[in-house]
Amino acid sequence: MATKLCAMKIFNNHNTAEWNIDNETASIQEPYNIHQVLYSNELGLLVVLISEERLRYINLYSKQGRLIKNIQEPEHMTLNCIGSHIKHDVAVLVKTYEQGWVDWWYSINPISGQLESIGEGR
């Protein structure tokens, strides 16, 4: 049976998000600003992009709102946004410096908590 995402909301305080998946409502509260929340059918997890002053990080949550993994911003990279990619339903667009700033797409490995390169962002 396919997972059904019914609703998702980031509240005005920007540190609380709520969703309804498969008729179950859950929410999370973060100490810092939640920028984006996307549900990945591929991973079976919610991908949450959060910013803490000048740093950004990604938290992976179960449908019930349990923290599964925290992924810190890699050195020499800036987490720009999360979105869909032709190879993955949710991927991370990262700005990296290699002889100039370049946008690059990364997939998320939920077991290792690592970002894995999947191609240049255009």
Protein backbone atom coordinates (compact mmCIF):
# COMPACT_ATOMS: atom_id res chain seq x y z
CA MET A 1 0.00 0.00 0.00
CA ALA A 2 1.36 3.41 -0.96
CA THR A 3 2.05 5.96 1.74
CA LYS A 4 -0.33 8.89 1.63
CA LEU A 5 0.88 12.31 2.76
CA CYS A 6 -2.23 14.32 3.56
CA ALA A 7 -0.86 17.55 5.01
CA MET A 8 2.32 19.24 6.12
CA LYS A 9 2.76 22.57 7.84
CA ILE A 10 5.61 24.64 9.26
CA PHE A 11 4.17 26.97 11.88
CA ASN A 12 4.79 30.73 12.06
CA ASN A 13 7.37 30.34 14.82
CA HIS A 14 9.49 28.39 12.25
CA ASN A 15 10.62 25.78 14.75
CA THR A 16 7.55 23.50 14.74
CA ALA A 17 6.36 21.28 11.91
CA GLU A 18 3.34 19.00 11.73
CA TRP A 19 2.24 16.41 9.19
CA ASN A 20 -0.37 13.77 8.53
CA ILE A 21 0.79 10.57 6.85
CA ASP A 22 -1.43 7.51 6.46
CA ASN A 23 -4.05 9.19 8.69
CA GLU A 24 -1.55 9.60 11.56
CA THR A 25 -0.64 13.11 12.70
CA ALA A 26 2.77 13.83 14.22
CA SER A 27 4.84 16.91 14.90
CA ILE A 28 8.37 17.95 15.80
CA GLN A 29 9.81 20.95 17.53
CA GLU A 30 13.35 22.12 16.83
CA PRO A 31 15.39 24.69 18.76
CA TYR A 32 16.23 26.47 15.47
CA ASN A 33 14.45 27.47 12.24
CA ILE A 34 12.91 24.74 10.10
CA HIS A 35 13.39 25.77 6.46
CA GLN A 36 11.94 22.79 4.63
CA VAL A 37 10.24 19.47 5.33
CA LEU A 38 9.78 16.84 2.63
CA TYR A 39 8.56 13.27 2.92
CA SER A 40 10.61 10.67 1.04
CA ASN A 41 8.66 7.58 -0.04
CA GLU A 42 12.00 6.10 -1.08
CA LEU A 43 13.49 6.43 2.43
CA GLY A 44 10.20 6.20 4.33
CA LEU A 45 11.38 9.24 6.31
CA LEU A 46 10.81 12.95 6.63
CA VAL A 47 13.79 15.07 5.61
CA VAL A 48 14.00 18.33 7.56
CA LEU A 49 16.40 21.18 6.69
CA ILE A 50 17.19 23.30 9.76
CA SER A 51 19.38 26.38 10.27
CA GLU A 52 21.20 27.42 13.41
CA GLU A 53 22.59 30.92 12.91
CA ARG A 54 25.20 30.33 10.16
CA LEU A 55 25.08 26.52 10.12
CA ARG A 56 22.53 24.26 8.47
CA TYR A 57 21.86 20.60 9.13
CA ILE A 58 19.40 17.88 8.17
CA ASN A 59 17.39 15.71 10.53
CA LEU A 60 15.69 12.54 9.37
CA TYR A 61 12.45 11.67 11.19
CA SER A 62 10.14 8.67 11.14
CA LYS A 63 6.50 9.23 10.16
CA GLN A 64 5.71 9.20 13.89
CA GLY A 65 8.15 12.08 14.60
CA ARG A 66 11.04 10.05 16.06
CA LEU A 67 14.53 11.40 15.23
CA ILE A 68 16.38 8.78 13.17
CA LYS A 69 19.55 10.58 12.08
CA ASN A 70 21.23 13.99 12.28
CA ILE A 71 23.36 14.99 9.28
CA GLN A 72 25.71 17.91 9.85
CA GLU A 73 26.71 20.31 7.09
CA PRO A 74 29.86 18.85 5.48
CA GLU A 75 33.05 20.90 5.67
CA HIS A 76 33.49 23.32 2.74
CA MET A 77 29.85 22.90 1.75
CA THR A 78 26.63 24.83 2.32
CA LEU A 79 23.28 23.02 2.42
CA ASN A 80 21.07 25.11 0.12
CA CYS A 81 17.77 23.24 -0.05
CA ILE A 82 16.06 19.88 -0.35
CA GLY A 83 14.05 18.93 -3.40
CA SER A 84 13.29 16.21 -5.88
CA HIS A 85 15.88 14.87 -8.30
CA ILE A 86 15.49 12.60 -11.30
CA LYS A 87 17.39 9.83 -9.43
CA HIS A 88 15.79 10.28 -5.96
CA ASP A 89 12.47 11.58 -4.71
CA VAL A 90 14.29 13.75 -2.13
CA ALA A 91 17.83 15.03 -2.58
CA VAL A 92 19.97 17.82 -1.15
CA LEU A 93 21.27 20.73 -3.23
CA VAL A 94 24.66 21.75 -1.84
CA LYS A 95 26.96 24.63 -2.73
CA THR A 96 30.57 23.49 -2.69
CA TYR A 97 33.87 25.16 -3.45
CA GLU A 98 36.10 23.48 -6.03
CA GLN A 99 37.93 26.10 -8.08
CA GLY A 100 34.87 28.30 -7.65
CA TRP A 101 31.45 27.78 -6.08
CA VAL A 102 29.38 25.02 -7.70
CA ASP A 103 25.92 23.62 -6.91
CA TRP A 104 25.83 19.85 -6.56
CA TRP A 105 23.04 17.32 -5.82
CA TYR A 106 23.51 14.71 -3.10
CA SER A 107 21.38 11.76 -2.06
CA ILE A 108 20.91 10.88 1.59
CA ASN A 109 22.16 7.60 3.03
CA PRO A 110 19.88 7.12 6.06
CA ILE A 111 22.02 4.36 7.57
CA SER A 112 25.42 6.09 7.51
CA GLY A 113 24.06 9.64 7.65
CA GLN A 114 26.31 10.56 4.74
CA LEU A 115 25.49 12.63 1.68
CA GLU A 116 26.40 10.85 -1.57
CA SER A 117 27.10 12.77 -4.78
CA ILE A 118 24.61 12.24 -7.61
CA GLY A 119 25.39 15.08 -10.01
CA GLU A 120 25.92 18.73 -10.72
CA GLY A 121 23.09 21.11 -9.92
CA ARG A 122 21.87 23.12 -12.88
